[in-house]
Amino acid sequence: MKRVGFLFEKIISDENIMKAIHNATKNKKNRHGIVLECHEHPERFVKRIQNILADENFVFSPPIEKTRRERKKIRHIKVPKFFPDQIIHWALMQVIDPIVYRGAYRYSCGSVKGKGGLAAKKSIERFQKKDKKIKYVMKADIHHFFESVDTDILKQKFRRVIKDAKVLRLIDGILDSGGSGLPIGYYTSQGFANFYLQQFDHEVKEKCGIKHYTRYVDDVVFLDTNKRKLHKARLLLGTYLRKEKLRFKDDWQVWKIYSRPIDFVGYRFYKGYTLLRKKLLYSLTRAVRKIKQYGMRERQVIRFLTYMGYSKRINFKKYYLERIKPTISKGRARKFMSWYAKHYGVPATT
């Protein structure tokens, strides 16, 4: 692959930095201080960012560490300093995104524009519908992927596609500031993660010859006509991952298709139809029950709308009309959130 240069000039251009400031501030709730200043007067900060980037001695600030519980998982979040770190992250990714995703696999989903959870869902349904010869499924995920990424290996991968020394120094600085692995909470981490696994995608299709394959960040699903090929692919890919300082979790599974559903990206895939994962359905009904008991409150309505987002394009209409709509409809929930935003500002996320 031909290496790309002359990127730093694009990163420090007025237009790119203005766009980076806009993107870094647009989703911030309760804007105040430097965030509010950048949002209202971005032109004042363009020259400052350019001077910071031109300084070869610039070092990114240590991130603020937070802990968040998501169901049974505990995630350690690292939040970079807003100015100038987050703005520089955006400025960098806006320029190198086309390079990072240049060799991306078609069904590599997750934190990719136009290829989120819904795209992963559609790919599984497409494989099931178009290829009736599929007999076996293998599902696996990579153990502690973000924490396990070797930043030295990632730096070398970037050096194979980028030859601009200043941009490489910028990438190195971001990776070094986050500590070991890819920090959850950095805007750059999702793009870097997909770039790190690009070769893995090619190993699956070219060397292992898997017929159908979808990856959602670190969760992978293989579909093929041959059970032995799936087991052989697991061993070959396990060897490749060890070279990348990664490994599959021990709970990988291979089973005959349609003997049980494929549980992936929040859905359960059966023959000819798709349902919500049980945990999501229980969470949705719990939110509806609390709204029925206590009335519409901001946090519960946000949860309701979030879980209803998963119900698009699945067999859910009858359940919605009978069990949910008598208590709260999607239209009423959206109107409430619109009213809330007008009176109290941007709502807090769950």
Protein backbone atom coordinates (compact mmCIF):
# COMPACT_ATOMS: atom_id res chain seq x y z
CA MET A 1 0.00 0.00 0.00
CA LYS A 2 1.36 3.41 -1.01
CA ARG A 3 2.24 5.64 1.93
CA VAL A 4 0.59 9.08 2.14
CA GLY A 5 2.38 12.32 2.97
CA PHE A 6 1.69 16.08 3.19
CA LEU A 7 -1.06 15.56 5.77
CA PHE A 8 0.08 17.97 8.47
CA GLU A 9 -0.70 21.00 6.30
CA LYS A 10 -4.29 19.76 5.97
CA ILE A 11 -4.58 19.18 9.73
CA ILE A 12 -3.51 22.73 10.64
CA SER A 13 -5.58 24.43 7.94
CA ASP A 14 -8.09 27.03 9.18
CA GLU A 15 -11.01 25.13 7.70
CA ASN A 16 -10.08 21.81 9.32
CA ILE A 17 -9.50 23.32 12.77
CA MET A 18 -12.76 25.30 12.63
CA LYS A 19 -14.57 22.06 11.78
CA ALA A 20 -12.73 20.25 14.61
CA ILE A 21 -13.79 22.91 17.15
CA HIS A 22 -17.39 22.66 15.95
CA ASN A 23 -17.41 18.85 16.20
CA ALA A 24 -15.69 18.83 19.60
CA THR A 25 -18.24 21.23 21.12
CA LYS A 26 -21.53 20.37 19.41
CA ASN A 27 -22.43 17.40 21.64
CA LYS A 28 -21.24 18.90 24.92
CA LYS A 29 -24.02 19.42 27.47
CA ASN A 30 -23.85 22.21 30.03
CA ARG A 31 -21.28 24.18 28.04
CA HIS A 32 -19.28 26.56 30.21
CA GLY A 33 -15.79 28.00 30.46
CA ILE A 34 -13.45 27.21 27.58
CA VAL A 35 -16.03 24.88 25.97
CA LEU A 36 -18.60 27.69 25.76
CA GLU A 37 -16.00 30.13 24.44
CA CYS A 38 -14.91 27.68 21.71
CA HIS A 39 -18.53 27.01 20.78
CA GLU A 40 -19.52 30.68 20.49
CA HIS A 41 -16.25 32.13 19.11
CA PRO A 42 -14.30 29.34 17.37
CA GLU A 43 -12.36 31.77 15.19
CA ARG A 44 -10.52 33.05 18.28
CA PHE A 45 -8.91 29.67 18.91
CA VAL A 46 -7.81 28.64 15.40
CA LYS A 47 -4.44 30.40 15.60
CA ARG A 48 -3.82 29.06 19.13
CA ILE A 49 -4.38 25.47 17.97
CA GLN A 50 -2.10 26.01 14.97
CA ASN A 51 0.68 27.31 17.23
CA ILE A 52 0.28 24.37 19.61
CA LEU A 53 0.50 21.88 16.74
CA ALA A 54 3.55 23.64 15.32
CA ASP A 55 5.36 23.28 18.66
CA GLU A 56 7.37 20.05 18.48
CA ASN A 57 7.71 20.01 22.28
CA PHE A 58 3.93 19.90 22.85
CA VAL A 59 2.81 17.05 25.14
CA PHE A 60 -0.80 15.93 25.62
CA SER A 61 -2.17 16.28 29.15
CA PRO A 62 -2.92 13.16 31.26
CA PRO A 63 -6.61 12.19 30.92
CA ILE A 64 -9.19 12.26 33.74
CA GLU A 65 -10.03 8.70 34.77
CA LYS A 66 -13.63 7.68 35.53
CA THR A 67 -15.38 4.40 36.26
CA ARG A 68 -18.75 3.55 34.74
CA ARG A 69 -20.94 0.50 35.34
CA GLU A 70 -22.85 -0.80 32.30
CA ARG A 71 -25.08 -3.65 33.45
CA LYS A 72 -22.57 -6.21 34.74
CA LYS A 73 -19.53 -4.60 33.12
CA ILE A 74 -17.33 -2.01 34.77
CA ARG A 75 -15.64 0.27 32.24
CA HIS A 76 -12.66 2.48 32.99
CA ILE A 77 -13.09 5.67 31.01
CA LYS A 78 -10.28 8.12 30.26
CA VAL A 79 -11.47 11.60 29.32
CA PRO A 80 -8.85 13.82 27.61
CA LYS A 81 -8.59 17.51 28.44
CA PHE A 82 -10.96 19.50 26.21
CA PHE A 83 -8.54 22.24 25.14
CA PRO A 84 -6.48 21.58 23.18
CA ASP A 85 -6.44 17.75 23.34
CA GLN A 86 -9.97 16.88 22.20
CA ILE A 87 -9.89 19.48 19.44
CA ILE A 88 -6.57 18.10 18.14
CA HIS A 89 -8.01 14.55 18.20
CA TRP A 90 -10.85 15.71 15.95
CA ALA A 91 -8.52 17.67 13.66
CA LEU A 92 -6.33 14.59 13.20
CA MET A 93 -9.13 12.10 12.56
CA GLN A 94 -10.91 14.36 10.08
CA VAL A 95 -7.81 14.17 7.87
CA ILE A 96 -6.63 10.57 8.38
CA ASP A 97 -10.07 8.86 8.41
CA PRO A 98 -9.94 8.15 4.62
CA ILE A 99 -6.50 6.57 5.10
CA VAL A 100 -7.50 4.56 8.18
CA TYR A 101 -10.54 3.10 6.42
CA ARG A 102 -9.01 2.82 2.95
CA GLY A 103 -8.46 -0.95 3.20
CA ALA A 104 -11.39 -1.68 5.50
CA TYR A 105 -13.42 -4.86 5.06
CA ARG A 106 -16.98 -4.30 3.82
CA TYR A 107 -18.65 -5.87 6.87
CA SER A 108 -16.37 -4.34 9.49
CA CYS A 109 -18.89 -2.44 11.60
CA GLY A 110 -18.95 -0.37 14.76
CA SER A 111 -18.09 3.34 15.08
CA VAL A 112 -17.83 3.63 11.30
CA LYS A 113 -20.02 6.18 9.53
CA GLY A 114 -22.98 4.32 8.01
CA LYS A 115 -21.86 0.99 9.46
CA GLY A 116 -23.10 0.70 13.02
CA GLY A 117 -25.10 -1.99 14.78
CA LEU A 118 -27.89 -1.83 12.20
CA ALA A 119 -25.43 -2.52 9.36
CA ALA A 120 -24.08 -5.55 11.28
CA LYS A 121 -27.66 -6.78 11.78
CA LYS A 122 -28.48 -6.39 8.08
CA SER A 123 -25.33 -8.30 7.07
CA ILE A 124 -26.30 -11.37 9.12
CA GLU A 125 -29.84 -11.30 7.73
CA ARG A 126 -28.48 -10.90 4.19
CA PHE A 127 -26.16 -13.90 4.58
CA GLN A 128 -29.00 -16.04 5.95
CA LYS A 129 -31.40 -15.05 3.20
CA LYS A 130 -29.10 -15.30 0.18
CA ASP A 131 -27.04 -18.37 1.04
CA LYS A 132 -29.18 -21.39 1.92
CA LYS A 133 -26.10 -23.64 1.99
CA ILE A 134 -24.81 -22.19 5.28
CA LYS A 135 -24.72 -24.98 7.86
CA TYR A 136 -22.56 -23.80 10.75
CA VAL A 137 -21.93 -20.67 12.79
CA MET A 138 -18.96 -19.65 14.92
CA LYS A 139 -19.16 -16.71 17.30
CA ALA A 140 -16.22 -15.31 19.26
CA ASP A 141 -14.89 -12.06 20.64
CA ILE A 142 -11.45 -10.72 21.43
CA HIS A 143 -10.51 -10.70 25.11
CA HIS A 144 -10.24 -7.17 26.59
CA PHE A 145 -9.52 -5.80 23.12
CA PHE A 146 -9.06 -2.07 23.82
CA GLU A 147 -6.92 -2.67 26.91
CA SER A 148 -4.80 -5.30 25.10
CA VAL A 149 -3.88 -3.34 21.96
CA ASP A 150 -0.09 -3.05 21.73
CA THR A 151 0.56 0.62 20.95
CA ASP A 152 4.06 -0.11 19.61
CA ILE A 153 2.58 -2.47 16.99
CA LEU A 154 -0.11 0.11 16.17
CA LYS A 155 2.54 2.80 15.66
CA GLN A 156 4.34 0.54 13.17
CA LYS A 157 1.07 -0.09 11.32
CA PHE A 158 0.60 3.66 10.91
CA ARG A 159 4.15 3.98 9.59
CA ARG A 160 3.25 1.59 6.76
CA VAL A 161 0.52 3.91 5.44
CA ILE A 162 1.63 7.42 6.55
CA LYS A 163 5.03 8.99 5.84
CA ASP A 164 4.41 12.46 7.26
CA ALA A 165 6.74 12.61 10.30
CA LYS A 166 4.78 15.36 12.06
CA VAL A 167 1.51 13.43 11.82
CA LEU A 168 3.20 10.27 13.09
CA ARG A 169 4.59 12.25 16.03
CA LEU A 170 1.04 13.49 16.74
CA ILE A 171 -0.35 9.94 16.68
CA ASP A 172 2.47 8.74 18.94
CA GLY A 173 1.67 11.54 21.40
CA ILE A 174 -2.01 10.57 21.58
CA LEU A 175 -1.18 6.88 22.10
CA ASP A 176 1.41 7.66 24.78
CA SER A 177 -0.92 10.00 26.67
CA GLY A 178 -3.57 7.30 27.09
CA GLY A 179 -1.30 4.77 28.79
CA SER A 180 -1.35 1.10 27.79
CA GLY A 181 -3.84 -0.01 25.16
CA LEU A 182 -6.45 2.19 23.52
CA PRO A 183 -8.22 4.34 26.15
CA ILE A 184 -12.01 4.11 26.15
CA GLY A 185 -13.15 7.73 26.03
CA TYR A 186 -10.75 9.02 23.38
CA TYR A 187 -12.42 10.00 20.10
CA THR A 188 -9.45 8.49 18.24
CA SER A 189 -9.72 5.04 19.84
CA GLN A 190 -12.54 3.68 17.68
CA GLY A 191 -10.81 4.55 14.42
CA PHE A 192 -7.47 3.27 15.70
CA ALA A 193 -9.14 0.01 16.84
CA ASN A 194 -10.66 -0.70 13.43
CA PHE A 195 -7.34 0.11 11.78
CA TYR A 196 -5.54 -2.31 14.14
CA LEU A 197 -7.88 -5.16 13.08
CA GLN A 198 -7.81 -4.54 9.32
CA GLN A 199 -5.23 -7.25 8.71
CA PHE A 200 -7.27 -9.62 10.87
CA ASP A 201 -10.24 -9.11 8.51
CA HIS A 202 -8.06 -9.95 5.51
CA GLU A 203 -6.72 -13.06 7.27
CA VAL A 204 -10.30 -14.27 7.77
CA LYS A 205 -11.33 -13.86 4.13
CA GLU A 206 -8.09 -14.54 2.24
CA LYS A 207 -6.16 -17.13 4.26
CA CYS A 208 -8.99 -18.88 6.11
CA GLY A 209 -11.46 -18.60 3.24
CA ILE A 210 -14.49 -18.09 5.48
CA LYS A 211 -17.56 -17.74 3.29
CA HIS A 212 -19.40 -15.08 5.32
CA TYR A 213 -18.00 -12.95 8.09
CA THR A 214 -19.13 -9.91 10.09
CA ARG A 215 -17.19 -8.04 12.75
CA TYR A 216 -18.63 -5.49 15.16
CA VAL A 217 -15.55 -3.92 16.81
CA ASP A 218 -14.21 -6.98 18.71
CA ASP A 219 -17.21 -9.35 18.28
CA VAL A 220 -16.99 -11.67 15.25
CA VAL A 221 -19.45 -14.03 13.56
CA PHE A 222 -18.39 -16.60 10.93
CA LEU A 223 -20.85 -18.53 8.75
CA ASP A 224 -19.80 -21.40 6.52
CA THR A 225 -20.83 -24.75 5.05
CA ASN A 226 -17.93 -26.64 6.66
CA LYS A 227 -17.54 -27.16 10.41
CA ARG A 228 -13.89 -28.22 10.13
CA LYS A 229 -13.04 -25.03 8.26
CA LEU A 230 -14.42 -22.96 11.14
CA HIS A 231 -12.33 -24.84 13.71
CA LYS A 232 -9.26 -24.57 11.52
CA ALA A 233 -9.89 -20.83 11.07
CA ARG A 234 -10.12 -20.39 14.83
CA LEU A 235 -6.69 -21.98 15.30
CA LEU A 236 -5.10 -19.97 12.47
CA LEU A 237 -6.64 -16.72 13.69
CA GLY A 238 -5.62 -17.52 17.26
CA THR A 239 -2.01 -17.78 16.07
CA TYR A 240 -2.30 -14.47 14.21
CA LEU A 241 -3.86 -12.72 17.23
CA ARG A 242 -1.05 -13.88 19.51
CA LYS A 243 1.42 -12.07 17.23
CA GLU A 244 -0.71 -8.94 17.71
CA LYS A 245 -0.69 -9.48 21.53
CA LEU A 246 -4.40 -10.39 21.45
CA ARG A 247 -6.44 -13.56 21.96
CA PHE A 248 -9.99 -14.89 21.64
CA LYS A 249 -12.07 -15.25 24.79
CA ASP A 250 -12.47 -18.83 25.98
CA ASP A 251 -16.26 -18.78 25.45
CA TRP A 252 -16.07 -19.09 21.62
CA GLN A 253 -18.79 -21.36 20.18
CA VAL A 254 -19.48 -23.37 17.03
CA TRP A 255 -22.98 -24.72 16.37
CA LYS A 256 -25.33 -25.88 13.64
CA ILE A 257 -27.24 -22.95 12.20
CA TYR A 258 -30.89 -22.62 13.29
CA SER A 259 -30.43 -25.16 16.08
CA ARG A 260 -30.39 -22.00 18.20
CA PRO A 261 -30.36 -18.26 17.42
CA ILE A 262 -27.30 -16.16 16.65
CA ASP A 263 -26.98 -13.64 19.50
CA PHE A 264 -25.22 -10.59 18.06
CA VAL A 265 -25.34 -6.75 18.35
CA GLY A 266 -28.41 -6.84 20.61
CA TYR A 267 -30.49 -9.17 18.44
CA ARG A 268 -31.29 -12.87 18.17
CA PHE A 269 -31.33 -14.15 14.59
CA TYR A 270 -33.65 -17.06 13.79
CA LYS A 271 -34.58 -18.61 10.47
CA GLY A 272 -36.63 -15.98 8.68
CA TYR A 273 -37.08 -13.52 11.55
CA THR A 274 -35.17 -11.48 14.13
CA LEU A 275 -35.99 -10.66 17.75
CA LEU A 276 -34.51 -8.44 20.45
CA ARG A 277 -32.00 -9.92 22.86
CA LYS A 278 -33.73 -10.88 26.12
CA LYS A 279 -31.75 -8.44 28.26
CA LEU A 280 -32.72 -5.54 26.00
CA LEU A 281 -36.37 -6.57 26.01
CA TYR A 282 -36.36 -6.80 29.82
CA SER A 283 -34.70 -3.37 30.07
CA LEU A 284 -37.32 -1.89 27.73
CA THR A 285 -40.26 -3.34 29.67
CA ARG A 286 -38.67 -2.13 32.94
CA ALA A 287 -38.45 1.42 31.58
CA VAL A 288 -42.10 1.26 30.43
CA ARG A 289 -43.18 -0.06 33.85
CA LYS A 290 -41.41 2.81 35.65
CA ILE A 291 -43.01 5.37 33.31
CA LYS A 292 -46.42 3.82 34.05
CA GLN A 293 -45.75 3.90 37.80
CA TYR A 294 -44.08 7.33 38.21
CA GLY A 295 -45.01 9.19 35.03
CA MET A 296 -42.70 10.52 32.33
CA ARG A 297 -39.28 11.45 33.70
CA GLU A 298 -36.33 12.52 31.61
CA ARG A 299 -34.00 9.61 32.37
CA GLN A 300 -36.60 6.86 31.90
CA VAL A 301 -37.91 8.41 28.66
CA ILE A 302 -34.34 8.52 27.27
CA ARG A 303 -33.95 4.84 28.16
CA PHE A 304 -37.28 4.02 26.54
CA LEU A 305 -36.33 5.75 23.28
CA THR A 306 -32.87 4.15 23.31
CA TYR A 307 -34.25 0.63 23.61
CA MET A 308 -37.02 1.34 21.10
CA GLY A 309 -34.27 2.23 18.63
CA TYR A 310 -33.29 -1.47 18.62
CA SER A 311 -36.84 -2.47 17.68
CA LYS A 312 -36.66 -1.02 14.17
CA ARG A 313 -36.99 -3.57 11.37
CA ILE A 314 -37.76 -6.55 13.61
CA ASN A 315 -40.92 -8.49 14.42
CA PHE A 316 -42.07 -6.15 17.17
CA LYS A 317 -45.28 -4.44 16.04
CA LYS A 318 -47.76 -6.69 17.88
CA TYR A 319 -45.83 -6.50 21.17
CA TYR A 320 -45.53 -2.71 20.87
CA LEU A 321 -49.24 -2.17 20.19
CA GLU A 322 -50.42 -4.52 22.96
CA ARG A 323 -47.86 -3.98 25.75
CA ILE A 324 -46.18 -0.61 25.26
CA LYS A 325 -48.32 1.89 23.34
CA PRO A 326 -51.17 1.96 25.93
CA THR A 327 -48.60 3.31 28.45
CA ILE A 328 -46.36 5.45 26.24
CA SER A 329 -45.92 5.83 22.48
CA LYS A 330 -42.79 6.81 20.63
CA GLY A 331 -44.47 10.04 19.51
CA ARG A 332 -45.36 11.08 23.07
CA ALA A 333 -41.84 10.28 24.26
CA ARG A 334 -40.27 12.41 21.51
CA LYS A 335 -42.60 15.34 22.25
CA PHE A 336 -41.70 15.13 25.94
CA MET A 337 -37.97 15.21 25.18
CA SER A 338 -38.47 18.15 22.81
CA TRP A 339 -40.34 20.02 25.57
CA TYR A 340 -37.67 19.09 28.12
CA ALA A 341 -34.85 20.36 25.88
CA LYS A 342 -36.63 23.72 25.38
CA HIS A 343 -37.19 24.27 29.09
CA TYR A 344 -34.13 22.67 30.67
CA GLY A 345 -31.53 22.44 27.92
CA VAL A 346 -29.79 19.34 26.56
CA PRO A 347 -30.89 16.30 28.64
CA ALA A 348 -28.39 14.17 30.54
CA THR A 349 -27.58 10.79 29.07
CA THR A 350 -28.20 7.54 30.94
